[in-house]
């Protein structure tokens, strides 16, 4: 269960990082 809690905490952080990276890439593309 502890591992599952960790995943639930990490996943949103990864998604946020991912969307930030995508925004940065779009900046470079434009």
Protein backbone atom coordinates (compact mmCIF):
# COMPACT_ATOMS: atom_id res chain seq x y z
CA UNK A 1 0.00 0.00 0.00
CA UNK A 2 2.84 2.37 0.78
CA UNK A 3 4.21 1.87 -2.72
CA UNK A 4 0.82 2.69 -4.21
CA UNK A 5 0.69 5.89 -2.19
CA UNK A 6 4.11 6.83 -3.55
CA UNK A 7 2.92 6.25 -7.10
CA UNK A 8 -0.13 8.43 -6.52
CA UNK A 9 2.16 11.19 -5.25
CA UNK A 10 4.75 10.87 -8.01
CA UNK A 11 2.43 10.48 -10.99
CA UNK A 12 0.84 13.96 -10.82
CA UNK A 13 4.31 15.48 -10.40
CA UNK A 14 5.50 13.65 -13.51
CA UNK A 15 2.47 14.83 -15.44
CA UNK A 16 3.14 18.42 -14.41
CA UNK A 17 6.77 18.12 -15.47
CA UNK A 18 5.67 16.57 -18.74
CA UNK A 19 3.25 19.38 -19.56
CA UNK A 20 5.93 21.95 -18.66
CA UNK A 21 8.36 20.28 -21.03
CA UNK A 22 5.76 20.23 -23.77
CA UNK A 23 5.09 23.94 -23.29
CA UNK A 24 8.82 24.63 -23.51
CA UNK A 25 9.14 22.61 -26.70
CA UNK A 26 6.25 24.49 -28.23
CA UNK A 27 7.97 27.75 -27.36
CA UNK A 28 11.02 26.61 -29.31
CA UNK A 29 8.90 25.41 -32.22
CA UNK A 30 7.16 28.74 -32.52
